[in-house]
């Protein structure tokens, strides 16, 4: 009976897959104003996001912003030094228009877990500055 229970537990655990959830859940981040400071935070929930390093040994972010010449950039949150579970979009938008923020990657896996990839794209609408400052 003990062997049967052990085999059953191994089968159940081997099917575990991490599933990514995002905060915010919606596909749009807050709108921004051209020339005004912008900030948004993205949290990736469901596991520890894998850390990738480039050829120089620096940790790389799992995302990008396009178009890249709009004045916004993507960075890790200050309190998230060892994982990539928290990202910030910040900067001062230089142009009005639609910006896409793509966050993709995979979770670190442990024994009996399948690797789980994630990919989510957010949009930000940057509007012209409203009225005189």
C-alpha atoms as a PDB file:
ATOM      1  CA  UNK A   1       0.000   0.000   0.000  1.00  0.00           C
ATOM      2  CA  UNK A   2       2.863   2.353   0.829  1.00  0.00           C
ATOM      3  CA  UNK A   3       4.427   1.786  -2.606  1.00  0.00           C
ATOM      4  CA  UNK A   4       1.119   2.468  -4.318  1.00  0.00           C
ATOM      5  CA  UNK A   5       0.698   5.724  -2.387  1.00  0.00           C
ATOM      6  CA  UNK A   6       4.254   6.780  -3.287  1.00  0.00           C
ATOM      7  CA  UNK A   7       3.697   6.081  -6.987  1.00  0.00           C
ATOM      8  CA  UNK A   8       0.376   7.940  -6.891  1.00  0.00           C
ATOM      9  CA  UNK A   9       1.977  10.996  -5.242  1.00  0.00           C
ATOM     10  CA  UNK A  10       4.778  11.038  -7.812  1.00  0.00           C
ATOM     11  CA  UNK A  11       2.296  10.906 -10.677  1.00  0.00           C
ATOM     12  CA  UNK A  12       0.242  13.737  -9.197  1.00  0.00           C
ATOM     13  CA  UNK A  13       3.287  15.921  -8.531  1.00  0.00           C
ATOM     14  CA  UNK A  14       4.816  15.284 -11.962  1.00  0.00           C
ATOM     15  CA  UNK A  15       1.792  16.898 -13.583  1.00  0.00           C
ATOM     16  CA  UNK A  16       2.160  20.179 -11.694  1.00  0.00           C
ATOM     17  CA  UNK A  17       2.614  23.167 -13.948  1.00  0.00           C
ATOM     18  CA  UNK A  18       3.181  26.725 -12.844  1.00  0.00           C
ATOM     19  CA  UNK A  19       0.683  29.191 -14.256  1.00  0.00           C
ATOM     20  CA  UNK A  20       1.445  32.907 -14.623  1.00  0.00           C
ATOM     21  CA  UNK A  21      -0.968  35.548 -13.451  1.00  0.00           C
ATOM     22  CA  UNK A  22      -0.389  39.236 -13.873  1.00  0.00           C
ATOM     23  CA  UNK A  23      -1.234  42.339 -11.906  1.00  0.00           C
ATOM     24  CA  UNK A  24      -2.734  44.377 -13.410  1.00  0.00           C
ATOM     25  CA  UNK A  25      -4.842  41.726 -15.122  1.00  0.00           C
ATOM     26  CA  UNK A  26      -6.245  43.913 -17.892  1.00  0.00           C
ATOM     27  CA  UNK A  27      -4.355  44.462 -21.146  1.00  0.00           C
ATOM     28  CA  UNK A  28      -4.087  48.233 -20.736  1.00  0.00           C
ATOM     29  CA  UNK A  29      -1.879  50.169 -18.354  1.00  0.00           C
ATOM     30  CA  UNK A  30      -2.836  53.675 -17.219  1.00  0.00           C
ATOM     31  CA  UNK A  31      -2.785  56.390 -19.871  1.00  0.00           C
ATOM     32  CA  UNK A  32       0.036  58.901 -19.790  1.00  0.00           C
ATOM     33  CA  UNK A  33       0.574  62.511 -20.811  1.00  0.00           C
ATOM     34  CA  UNK A  34       3.337  63.640 -23.120  1.00  0.00           C
ATOM     35  CA  UNK A  35       6.005  65.516 -21.145  1.00  0.00           C
ATOM     36  CA  UNK A  36       4.726  64.289 -17.742  1.00  0.00           C
ATOM     37  CA  UNK A  37       6.391  61.632 -15.592  1.00  0.00           C
ATOM     38  CA  UNK A  38       4.893  58.148 -16.078  1.00  0.00           C
ATOM     39  CA  UNK A  39       4.982  55.119 -13.770  1.00  0.00           C
ATOM     40  CA  UNK A  40       3.288  51.720 -13.835  1.00  0.00           C
ATOM     41  CA  UNK A  41       4.130  48.516 -11.998  1.00  0.00           C
ATOM     42  CA  UNK A  42       3.650  44.992 -13.368  1.00  0.00           C
ATOM     43  CA  UNK A  43       3.724  41.989 -11.021  1.00  0.00           C
ATOM     44  CA  UNK A  44       4.118  38.437 -12.282  1.00  0.00           C
ATOM     45  CA  UNK A  45       2.571  35.901  -9.922  1.00  0.00           C
ATOM     46  CA  UNK A  46       2.657  32.117  -9.864  1.00  0.00           C
ATOM     47  CA  UNK A  47       6.317  31.292  -9.317  1.00  0.00           C
ATOM     48  CA  UNK A  48       9.835  32.650  -9.384  1.00  0.00           C
ATOM     49  CA  UNK A  49      10.614  34.153 -12.791  1.00  0.00           C
ATOM     50  CA  UNK A  50      13.832  32.709 -14.232  1.00  0.00           C
ATOM     51  CA  UNK A  51      16.828  35.002 -14.348  1.00  0.00           C
ATOM     52  CA  UNK A  52      18.651  35.202 -17.649  1.00  0.00           C
ATOM     53  CA  UNK A  53      22.157  36.585 -18.006  1.00  0.00           C
ATOM     54  CA  UNK A  54      23.848  37.999 -21.070  1.00  0.00           C
ATOM     55  CA  UNK A  55      27.394  37.282 -22.246  1.00  0.00           C
ATOM     56  CA  UNK A  56      28.731  39.921 -19.801  1.00  0.00           C
ATOM     57  CA  UNK A  57      27.097  38.213 -16.816  1.00  0.00           C
ATOM     58  CA  UNK A  58      24.489  40.962 -16.387  1.00  0.00           C
ATOM     59  CA  UNK A  59      20.898  39.986 -15.605  1.00  0.00           C
ATOM     60  CA  UNK A  60      18.553  40.720 -18.480  1.00  0.00           C
ATOM     61  CA  UNK A  61      14.958  41.872 -18.280  1.00  0.00           C
ATOM     62  CA  UNK A  62      12.231  39.724 -19.712  1.00  0.00           C
ATOM     63  CA  UNK A  63      10.437  42.340 -21.722  1.00  0.00           C
ATOM     64  CA  UNK A  64      10.565  45.257 -24.109  1.00  0.00           C
ATOM     65  CA  UNK A  65       8.787  48.470 -24.994  1.00  0.00           C
ATOM     66  CA  UNK A  66       7.907  49.446 -28.554  1.00  0.00           C
ATOM     67  CA  UNK A  67       8.342  51.839 -30.089  1.00  0.00           C
ATOM     68  CA  UNK A  68      11.535  52.325 -28.106  1.00  0.00           C
ATOM     69  CA  UNK A  69      11.872  56.059 -28.821  1.00  0.00           C
ATOM     70  CA  UNK A  70       8.845  57.210 -26.791  1.00  0.00           C
ATOM     71  CA  UNK A  71      10.762  58.075 -23.597  1.00  0.00           C
ATOM     72  CA  UNK A  72       9.630  55.100 -21.478  1.00  0.00           C
ATOM     73  CA  UNK A  73      11.778  52.228 -20.274  1.00  0.00           C
ATOM     74  CA  UNK A  74      11.353  48.939 -18.425  1.00  0.00           C
ATOM     75  CA  UNK A  75      13.267  48.101 -15.239  1.00  0.00           C
ATOM     76  CA  UNK A  76      13.102  45.796 -12.224  1.00  0.00           C
ATOM     77  CA  UNK A  77      11.396  47.065  -9.084  1.00  0.00           C
ATOM     78  CA  UNK A  78      13.821  48.301  -6.443  1.00  0.00           C
ATOM     79  CA  UNK A  79      12.652  45.733  -3.881  1.00  0.00           C
ATOM     80  CA  UNK A  80      12.896  42.792  -6.328  1.00  0.00           C
ATOM     81  CA  UNK A  81      16.656  42.230  -6.369  1.00  0.00           C
ATOM     82  CA  UNK A  82      16.727  38.460  -6.938  1.00  0.00           C
ATOM     83  CA  UNK A  83      13.671  37.729  -9.042  1.00  0.00           C
ATOM     84  CA  UNK A  84      12.129  39.327 -12.093  1.00  0.00           C
ATOM     85  CA  UNK A  85       8.613  39.111 -10.649  1.00  0.00           C
ATOM     86  CA  UNK A  86       8.173  42.878 -10.426  1.00  0.00           C
ATOM     87  CA  UNK A  87       8.791  45.254 -13.321  1.00  0.00           C
ATOM     88  CA  UNK A  88       8.328  49.013 -13.653  1.00  0.00           C
ATOM     89  CA  UNK A  89       7.496  51.086 -16.689  1.00  0.00           C
ATOM     90  CA  UNK A  90       8.726  54.620 -16.155  1.00  0.00           C
ATOM     91  CA  UNK A  91      10.051  57.709 -17.820  1.00  0.00           C
ATOM     92  CA  UNK A  92       8.739  60.867 -19.463  1.00  0.00           C
ATOM     93  CA  UNK A  93       6.857  60.233 -22.716  1.00  0.00           C
ATOM     94  CA  UNK A  94       8.222  62.370 -25.549  1.00  0.00           C
ATOM     95  CA  UNK A  95       5.530  61.604 -28.137  1.00  0.00           C
ATOM     96  CA  UNK A  96       1.807  60.963 -28.174  1.00  0.00           C
ATOM     97  CA  UNK A  97       0.637  57.571 -29.409  1.00  0.00           C
ATOM     98  CA  UNK A  98       0.223  53.916 -28.533  1.00  0.00           C
ATOM     99  CA  UNK A  99       3.000  52.040 -26.723  1.00  0.00           C
ATOM    100  CA  UNK A 100       3.216  48.260 -26.353  1.00  0.00           C
ATOM    101  CA  UNK A 101       4.923  46.687 -23.345  1.00  0.00           C
ATOM    102  CA  UNK A 102       5.675  42.984 -23.784  1.00  0.00           C
ATOM    103  CA  UNK A 103       6.602  40.833 -20.797  1.00  0.00           C
ATOM    104  CA  UNK A 104       7.689  37.270 -21.541  1.00  0.00           C
ATOM    105  CA  UNK A 105       9.772  34.527 -20.009  1.00  0.00           C
ATOM    106  CA  UNK A 106       9.436  31.418 -17.913  1.00  0.00           C
ATOM    107  CA  UNK A 107       9.409  30.292 -14.298  1.00  0.00           C
ATOM    108  CA  UNK A 108      12.241  28.556 -12.471  1.00  0.00           C
ATOM    109  CA  UNK A 109      11.225  24.959 -11.991  1.00  0.00           C
ATOM    110  CA  UNK A 110      11.780  22.525  -9.187  1.00  0.00           C
ATOM    111  CA  UNK A 111      11.608  18.776  -9.066  1.00  0.00           C
ATOM    112  CA  UNK A 112       8.287  17.407 -10.382  1.00  0.00           C
ATOM    113  CA  UNK A 113       7.293  20.653 -12.118  1.00  0.00           C
ATOM    114  CA  UNK A 114       6.995  21.374 -15.797  1.00  0.00           C
ATOM    115  CA  UNK A 115       8.553  24.535 -17.140  1.00  0.00           C
ATOM    116  CA  UNK A 116       5.929  27.192 -17.695  1.00  0.00           C
ATOM    117  CA  UNK A 117       6.322  30.020 -20.173  1.00  0.00           C
ATOM    118  CA  UNK A 118       4.368  33.263 -20.153  1.00  0.00           C
ATOM    119  CA  UNK A 119       3.863  36.113 -22.580  1.00  0.00           C
ATOM    120  CA  UNK A 120       1.666  39.164 -22.068  1.00  0.00           C
ATOM    121  CA  UNK A 121       1.444  42.449 -23.925  1.00  0.00           C
ATOM    122  CA  UNK A 122       0.106  45.629 -22.353  1.00  0.00           C
ATOM    123  CA  UNK A 123      -0.758  48.856 -24.145  1.00  0.00           C
ATOM    124  CA  UNK A 124      -0.296  52.427 -22.928  1.00  0.00           C
ATOM    125  CA  UNK A 125      -1.967  55.382 -24.592  1.00  0.00           C
ATOM    126  CA  UNK A 126       0.095  58.563 -24.414  1.00  0.00           C
ATOM    127  CA  UNK A 127      -1.958  61.713 -24.977  1.00  0.00           C
ATOM    128  CA  UNK A 128      -0.869  65.239 -25.812  1.00  0.00           C
ATOM    129  CA  UNK A 129      -0.365  67.454 -22.762  1.00  0.00           C
ATOM    130  CA  UNK A 130      -3.622  69.061 -21.786  1.00  0.00           C
ATOM    131  CA  UNK A 131      -3.749  72.839 -21.522  1.00  0.00           C
ATOM    132  CA  UNK A 132      -1.107  75.200 -20.107  1.00  0.00           C
ATOM    133  CA  UNK A 133       1.031  74.017 -17.203  1.00  0.00           C
END
